[in-house]
Amino acid sequence: MARILIVDDSPTQVLGLKRIVENLGHVPLTAEDGNAGVEAAKREIPDLILMDVVMPNLNGFQATRMLSREATTRHIPVILVTTKGQETDKAWGMRQGAKAYVTKPINEKELSQAIKNLLPAAG
């Protein structure tokens, strides 16, 4: 059972992501924007982070870059979950430190597979 931090400013998206995380048997943690997400990641050290891109204050690209450069959080895989579906967005997201990129509307099978691929094998 992993702890997965969901960083998204949309309550509707958070609910959907929480349901997917719980259906996979994991514990969801939430943060409402990039700043809160970075702080929660430093405080909670989750096993994985689902990061929206388009958010107020600190966007998901910026937050992912901060987390990937921080010694205490750089080991945490980040999956960008976003409406920004252009190849240039994906390439940029991966350059910021993301390990996977899933576009909205969310394909539950695709996201579930990305989560399974990135979580350290149990035991």
N, C-alpha and C. Protein backbone atom coordinates (compact mmCIF):
# COMPACT_ATOMS: atom_id res chain seq x y z
N MET A 1 0.85 -1.18 0.00
CA MET A 1 0.00 0.00 0.00
C MET A 1 0.89 1.24 0.00
N ALA A 2 0.83 1.98 -1.10
CA ALA A 2 1.66 3.17 -1.23
C ALA A 2 0.87 4.42 -0.86
N ARG A 3 1.60 5.48 -0.55
CA ARG A 3 1.00 6.78 -0.29
C ARG A 3 1.24 7.64 -1.52
N ILE A 4 0.14 8.09 -2.15
CA ILE A 4 0.24 8.83 -3.40
C ILE A 4 -0.32 10.24 -3.20
N LEU A 5 0.53 11.23 -3.47
CA LEU A 5 0.14 12.63 -3.34
C LEU A 5 -0.49 13.11 -4.64
N ILE A 6 -1.71 13.62 -4.55
CA ILE A 6 -2.44 14.18 -5.69
C ILE A 6 -2.38 15.69 -5.58
N VAL A 7 -1.79 16.35 -6.59
CA VAL A 7 -1.68 17.81 -6.59
C VAL A 7 -2.50 18.33 -7.75
N ASP A 8 -3.67 18.93 -7.44
CA ASP A 8 -4.56 19.43 -8.48
C ASP A 8 -5.47 20.49 -7.85
N ASP A 9 -5.72 21.58 -8.59
CA ASP A 9 -6.56 22.65 -8.06
C ASP A 9 -8.03 22.43 -8.34
N SER A 10 -8.41 21.37 -9.04
CA SER A 10 -9.81 21.07 -9.34
C SER A 10 -10.35 20.01 -8.39
N PRO A 11 -11.31 20.38 -7.54
CA PRO A 11 -11.89 19.39 -6.62
C PRO A 11 -12.46 18.17 -7.35
N THR A 12 -13.02 18.38 -8.53
CA THR A 12 -13.58 17.28 -9.31
C THR A 12 -12.49 16.32 -9.76
N GLN A 13 -11.38 16.87 -10.24
CA GLN A 13 -10.25 16.02 -10.65
C GLN A 13 -9.68 15.27 -9.46
N VAL A 14 -9.56 15.96 -8.32
CA VAL A 14 -9.03 15.32 -7.12
C VAL A 14 -9.89 14.12 -6.73
N LEU A 15 -11.21 14.29 -6.78
CA LEU A 15 -12.12 13.18 -6.43
C LEU A 15 -11.90 11.99 -7.36
N GLY A 16 -11.80 12.25 -8.66
CA GLY A 16 -11.58 11.17 -9.62
C GLY A 16 -10.26 10.47 -9.40
N LEU A 17 -9.21 11.26 -9.16
CA LEU A 17 -7.88 10.68 -8.93
C LEU A 17 -7.84 9.89 -7.62
N LYS A 18 -8.51 10.42 -6.58
CA LYS A 18 -8.56 9.70 -5.30
C LYS A 18 -9.21 8.33 -5.49
N ARG A 19 -10.30 8.29 -6.28
CA ARG A 19 -11.01 7.04 -6.52
C ARG A 19 -10.08 6.02 -7.21
N ILE A 20 -9.33 6.48 -8.21
CA ILE A 20 -8.41 5.59 -8.92
C ILE A 20 -7.33 5.07 -7.97
N VAL A 21 -6.74 5.97 -7.19
CA VAL A 21 -5.70 5.59 -6.23
C VAL A 21 -6.23 4.57 -5.22
N GLU A 22 -7.43 4.84 -4.69
CA GLU A 22 -8.02 3.93 -3.70
C GLU A 22 -8.36 2.59 -4.33
N ASN A 23 -8.86 2.59 -5.58
CA ASN A 23 -9.18 1.33 -6.26
C ASN A 23 -7.93 0.47 -6.46
N LEU A 24 -6.77 1.11 -6.56
CA LEU A 24 -5.51 0.37 -6.70
C LEU A 24 -4.99 -0.09 -5.33
N GLY A 25 -5.70 0.29 -4.25
CA GLY A 25 -5.31 -0.15 -2.92
C GLY A 25 -4.31 0.76 -2.23
N HIS A 26 -4.19 2.00 -2.70
CA HIS A 26 -3.23 2.93 -2.13
C HIS A 26 -3.93 4.04 -1.33
N VAL A 27 -3.12 4.79 -0.59
CA VAL A 27 -3.64 5.87 0.25
C VAL A 27 -3.41 7.21 -0.45
N PRO A 28 -4.51 7.95 -0.75
CA PRO A 28 -4.33 9.26 -1.39
C PRO A 28 -4.08 10.37 -0.38
N LEU A 29 -3.13 11.25 -0.72
CA LEU A 29 -2.90 12.49 0.02
C LEU A 29 -3.19 13.59 -1.01
N THR A 30 -3.63 14.77 -0.57
CA THR A 30 -3.96 15.79 -1.55
C THR A 30 -3.34 17.15 -1.22
N ALA A 31 -3.12 17.93 -2.27
CA ALA A 31 -2.68 19.32 -2.15
C ALA A 31 -3.36 20.09 -3.27
N GLU A 32 -3.74 21.35 -2.99
CA GLU A 32 -4.59 22.10 -3.93
C GLU A 32 -3.85 22.95 -4.95
N ASP A 33 -2.54 23.04 -4.87
CA ASP A 33 -1.79 23.75 -5.90
C ASP A 33 -0.31 23.37 -5.81
N GLY A 34 0.50 23.93 -6.72
CA GLY A 34 1.90 23.56 -6.78
C GLY A 34 2.67 23.85 -5.50
N ASN A 35 2.43 25.03 -4.92
CA ASN A 35 3.12 25.38 -3.66
C ASN A 35 2.78 24.38 -2.56
N ALA A 36 1.48 24.12 -2.39
CA ALA A 36 1.04 23.17 -1.36
C ALA A 36 1.57 21.77 -1.67
N GLY A 37 1.66 21.43 -2.96
CA GLY A 37 2.16 20.12 -3.35
C GLY A 37 3.63 19.93 -2.99
N VAL A 38 4.43 20.96 -3.24
CA VAL A 38 5.86 20.89 -2.89
C VAL A 38 6.01 20.74 -1.38
N GLU A 39 5.27 21.56 -0.63
CA GLU A 39 5.34 21.48 0.84
C GLU A 39 4.88 20.12 1.35
N ALA A 40 3.78 19.60 0.79
CA ALA A 40 3.26 18.29 1.23
C ALA A 40 4.26 17.19 0.89
N ALA A 41 4.89 17.28 -0.27
CA ALA A 41 5.88 16.26 -0.65
C ALA A 41 7.06 16.25 0.31
N LYS A 42 7.53 17.44 0.70
CA LYS A 42 8.65 17.53 1.64
C LYS A 42 8.26 17.00 3.02
N ARG A 43 7.02 17.28 3.41
CA ARG A 43 6.53 16.90 4.73
C ARG A 43 6.18 15.40 4.80
N GLU A 44 5.49 14.91 3.78
CA GLU A 44 4.94 13.54 3.82
C GLU A 44 5.85 12.49 3.17
N ILE A 45 6.73 12.90 2.28
CA ILE A 45 7.57 11.99 1.49
C ILE A 45 6.72 10.82 0.94
N PRO A 46 5.79 11.15 0.03
CA PRO A 46 4.92 10.09 -0.53
C PRO A 46 5.73 9.15 -1.44
N ASP A 47 5.11 8.03 -1.81
CA ASP A 47 5.77 7.06 -2.68
C ASP A 47 5.70 7.49 -4.15
N LEU A 48 4.71 8.34 -4.48
CA LEU A 48 4.51 8.78 -5.86
C LEU A 48 3.67 10.05 -5.83
N ILE A 49 3.80 10.88 -6.86
CA ILE A 49 3.03 12.12 -6.95
C ILE A 49 2.32 12.20 -8.29
N LEU A 50 1.02 12.50 -8.24
CA LEU A 50 0.24 12.80 -9.45
C LEU A 50 0.11 14.32 -9.50
N MET A 51 0.70 14.94 -10.51
CA MET A 51 0.82 16.40 -10.55
C MET A 51 0.08 17.00 -11.75
N ASP A 52 -0.88 17.88 -11.47
CA ASP A 52 -1.52 18.65 -12.53
C ASP A 52 -0.50 19.68 -13.01
N VAL A 53 -0.71 20.24 -14.21
CA VAL A 53 0.22 21.26 -14.70
C VAL A 53 -0.37 22.65 -14.55
N VAL A 54 -1.61 22.84 -15.02
CA VAL A 54 -2.21 24.17 -15.02
C VAL A 54 -2.83 24.47 -13.66
N MET A 55 -2.07 25.21 -12.83
CA MET A 55 -2.53 25.57 -11.48
C MET A 55 -2.07 26.98 -11.17
N PRO A 56 -2.78 27.66 -10.26
CA PRO A 56 -2.36 29.01 -9.88
C PRO A 56 -1.06 28.99 -9.07
N ASN A 57 -0.42 30.13 -8.98
CA ASN A 57 0.81 30.33 -8.21
C ASN A 57 2.00 29.58 -8.83
N LEU A 58 2.13 28.32 -8.50
CA LEU A 58 3.25 27.51 -8.97
C LEU A 58 2.66 26.41 -9.85
N ASN A 59 3.01 26.38 -11.14
CA ASN A 59 2.41 25.35 -12.00
C ASN A 59 3.11 24.00 -11.81
N GLY A 60 2.54 22.97 -12.41
CA GLY A 60 3.05 21.62 -12.21
C GLY A 60 4.45 21.40 -12.76
N PHE A 61 4.79 22.09 -13.87
CA PHE A 61 6.15 21.99 -14.40
C PHE A 61 7.15 22.55 -13.38
N GLN A 62 6.82 23.73 -12.83
CA GLN A 62 7.70 24.37 -11.85
C GLN A 62 7.83 23.52 -10.58
N ALA A 63 6.69 23.01 -10.10
CA ALA A 63 6.70 22.19 -8.88
C ALA A 63 7.51 20.91 -9.09
N THR A 64 7.33 20.28 -10.26
CA THR A 64 8.07 19.05 -10.56
C THR A 64 9.57 19.34 -10.60
N ARG A 65 9.95 20.45 -11.22
CA ARG A 65 11.36 20.82 -11.29
C ARG A 65 11.92 21.03 -9.88
N MET A 66 11.17 21.72 -9.02
CA MET A 66 11.63 21.95 -7.64
C MET A 66 11.82 20.63 -6.91
N LEU A 67 10.85 19.73 -7.05
CA LEU A 67 10.93 18.44 -6.35
C LEU A 67 12.08 17.58 -6.87
N SER A 68 12.33 17.64 -8.18
CA SER A 68 13.40 16.82 -8.75
C SER A 68 14.79 17.34 -8.39
N ARG A 69 14.86 18.60 -7.96
CA ARG A 69 16.15 19.18 -7.57
C ARG A 69 16.39 19.15 -6.06
N GLU A 70 15.37 18.83 -5.30
CA GLU A 70 15.43 18.81 -3.84
C GLU A 70 15.94 17.43 -3.38
N ALA A 71 16.98 17.41 -2.58
CA ALA A 71 17.58 16.14 -2.15
C ALA A 71 16.58 15.20 -1.48
N THR A 72 15.67 15.76 -0.68
CA THR A 72 14.75 14.91 0.08
C THR A 72 13.59 14.38 -0.76
N THR A 73 13.36 14.95 -1.95
CA THR A 73 12.20 14.53 -2.75
C THR A 73 12.57 14.03 -4.15
N ARG A 74 13.83 14.13 -4.54
CA ARG A 74 14.18 13.80 -5.93
C ARG A 74 13.93 12.34 -6.29
N HIS A 75 13.87 11.45 -5.29
CA HIS A 75 13.62 10.02 -5.56
C HIS A 75 12.15 9.70 -5.81
N ILE A 76 11.26 10.66 -5.53
CA ILE A 76 9.82 10.40 -5.65
C ILE A 76 9.40 10.54 -7.12
N PRO A 77 8.85 9.48 -7.73
CA PRO A 77 8.42 9.62 -9.12
C PRO A 77 7.20 10.53 -9.24
N VAL A 78 7.21 11.38 -10.27
CA VAL A 78 6.10 12.30 -10.53
C VAL A 78 5.46 11.91 -11.86
N ILE A 79 4.13 11.76 -11.83
CA ILE A 79 3.37 11.57 -13.06
C ILE A 79 2.62 12.87 -13.30
N LEU A 80 2.89 13.53 -14.42
CA LEU A 80 2.14 14.73 -14.76
C LEU A 80 0.80 14.28 -15.34
N VAL A 81 -0.29 14.83 -14.79
CA VAL A 81 -1.65 14.50 -15.23
C VAL A 81 -2.27 15.82 -15.65
N THR A 82 -2.44 16.03 -16.97
CA THR A 82 -2.76 17.36 -17.44
C THR A 82 -3.55 17.39 -18.74
N THR A 83 -4.18 18.52 -18.99
CA THR A 83 -4.88 18.74 -20.27
C THR A 83 -3.89 19.12 -21.36
N LYS A 84 -2.67 19.47 -20.99
CA LYS A 84 -1.66 19.90 -21.97
C LYS A 84 -1.10 18.67 -22.68
N GLY A 85 -1.65 18.37 -23.87
CA GLY A 85 -1.32 17.13 -24.54
C GLY A 85 -0.38 17.23 -25.72
N GLN A 86 0.18 18.40 -25.98
CA GLN A 86 1.11 18.54 -27.10
C GLN A 86 2.41 17.78 -26.81
N GLU A 87 3.05 17.30 -27.86
CA GLU A 87 4.34 16.61 -27.69
C GLU A 87 5.37 17.51 -27.01
N THR A 88 5.34 18.83 -27.35
CA THR A 88 6.29 19.75 -26.72
C THR A 88 6.05 19.85 -25.21
N ASP A 89 4.77 19.79 -24.80
CA ASP A 89 4.45 19.81 -23.37
C ASP A 89 5.00 18.55 -22.69
N LYS A 90 4.79 17.42 -23.34
CA LYS A 90 5.29 16.15 -22.77
C LYS A 90 6.81 16.19 -22.63
N ALA A 91 7.47 16.62 -23.69
CA ALA A 91 8.94 16.68 -23.66
C ALA A 91 9.41 17.61 -22.55
N TRP A 92 8.77 18.77 -22.44
CA TRP A 92 9.14 19.74 -21.41
C TRP A 92 8.91 19.14 -20.02
N GLY A 93 7.76 18.49 -19.83
CA GLY A 93 7.45 17.88 -18.54
C GLY A 93 8.47 16.84 -18.13
N MET A 94 8.91 16.03 -19.08
CA MET A 94 9.90 15.01 -18.77
C MET A 94 11.25 15.67 -18.44
N ARG A 95 11.56 16.77 -19.11
CA ARG A 95 12.81 17.49 -18.82
C ARG A 95 12.79 18.10 -17.42
N GLN A 96 11.60 18.37 -16.88
CA GLN A 96 11.48 18.94 -15.54
C GLN A 96 11.65 17.87 -14.46
N GLY A 97 11.65 16.60 -14.87
CA GLY A 97 11.86 15.52 -13.91
C GLY A 97 10.71 14.54 -13.79
N ALA A 98 9.64 14.74 -14.56
CA ALA A 98 8.52 13.79 -14.50
C ALA A 98 8.96 12.43 -15.05
N LYS A 99 8.37 11.38 -14.52
CA LYS A 99 8.69 10.02 -14.97
C LYS A 99 7.62 9.49 -15.93
N ALA A 100 6.46 10.13 -15.96
CA ALA A 100 5.38 9.72 -16.88
C ALA A 100 4.48 10.93 -17.11
N TYR A 101 3.67 10.83 -18.16
CA TYR A 101 2.83 11.96 -18.57
C TYR A 101 1.50 11.38 -19.04
N VAL A 102 0.41 11.73 -18.37
CA VAL A 102 -0.91 11.23 -18.71
C VAL A 102 -1.81 12.44 -18.98
N THR A 103 -2.51 12.41 -20.11
CA THR A 103 -3.36 13.56 -20.45
C THR A 103 -4.79 13.37 -19.96
N LYS A 104 -5.44 14.50 -19.68
CA LYS A 104 -6.86 14.52 -19.32
C LYS A 104 -7.66 14.70 -20.60
N PRO A 105 -8.88 14.19 -20.71
CA PRO A 105 -9.55 13.41 -19.67
C PRO A 105 -8.79 12.11 -19.40
N ILE A 106 -8.77 11.73 -18.15
CA ILE A 106 -7.94 10.62 -17.69
C ILE A 106 -8.49 9.29 -18.20
N ASN A 107 -7.58 8.52 -18.79
CA ASN A 107 -7.87 7.14 -19.13
C ASN A 107 -7.43 6.33 -17.91
N GLU A 108 -8.39 5.76 -17.20
CA GLU A 108 -8.08 5.10 -15.93
C GLU A 108 -7.07 3.96 -16.09
N LYS A 109 -7.21 3.18 -17.17
CA LYS A 109 -6.26 2.08 -17.40
C LYS A 109 -4.84 2.60 -17.61
N GLU A 110 -4.73 3.68 -18.40
CA GLU A 110 -3.42 4.26 -18.68
C GLU A 110 -2.77 4.79 -17.40
N LEU A 111 -3.55 5.52 -16.60
CA LEU A 111 -3.01 6.07 -15.35
C LEU A 111 -2.66 4.95 -14.38
N SER A 112 -3.52 3.96 -14.24
CA SER A 112 -3.26 2.84 -13.33
C SER A 112 -1.97 2.12 -13.72
N GLN A 113 -1.77 1.93 -15.03
CA GLN A 113 -0.54 1.26 -15.51
C GLN A 113 0.68 2.10 -15.20
N ALA A 114 0.59 3.43 -15.41
CA ALA A 114 1.71 4.32 -15.12
C ALA A 114 2.07 4.26 -13.63
N ILE A 115 1.05 4.24 -12.77
CA ILE A 115 1.28 4.15 -11.32
C ILE A 115 1.98 2.84 -10.99
N LYS A 116 1.46 1.73 -11.53
CA LYS A 116 2.06 0.40 -11.25
C LYS A 116 3.50 0.35 -11.74
N ASN A 117 3.76 0.94 -12.91
CA ASN A 117 5.11 0.92 -13.47
C ASN A 117 6.11 1.66 -12.60
N LEU A 118 5.65 2.73 -11.93
CA LEU A 118 6.58 3.60 -11.20
C LEU A 118 6.71 3.31 -9.72
N LEU A 119 5.74 2.60 -9.15
CA LEU A 119 5.85 2.29 -7.72
C LEU A 119 6.89 1.19 -7.52
N PRO A 120 7.73 1.35 -6.50
CA PRO A 120 8.68 0.27 -6.21
C PRO A 120 7.90 -1.01 -5.90
N ALA A 121 8.38 -2.11 -6.40
CA ALA A 121 7.71 -3.39 -6.15
C ALA A 121 7.61 -3.64 -4.65
N ALA A 122 6.44 -4.04 -4.21
CA ALA A 122 6.21 -4.28 -2.78
C ALA A 122 7.11 -5.41 -2.29
N GLY A 123 7.73 -5.16 -1.15
CA GLY A 123 8.58 -6.18 -0.54
C GLY A 123 9.86 -6.24 -1.28
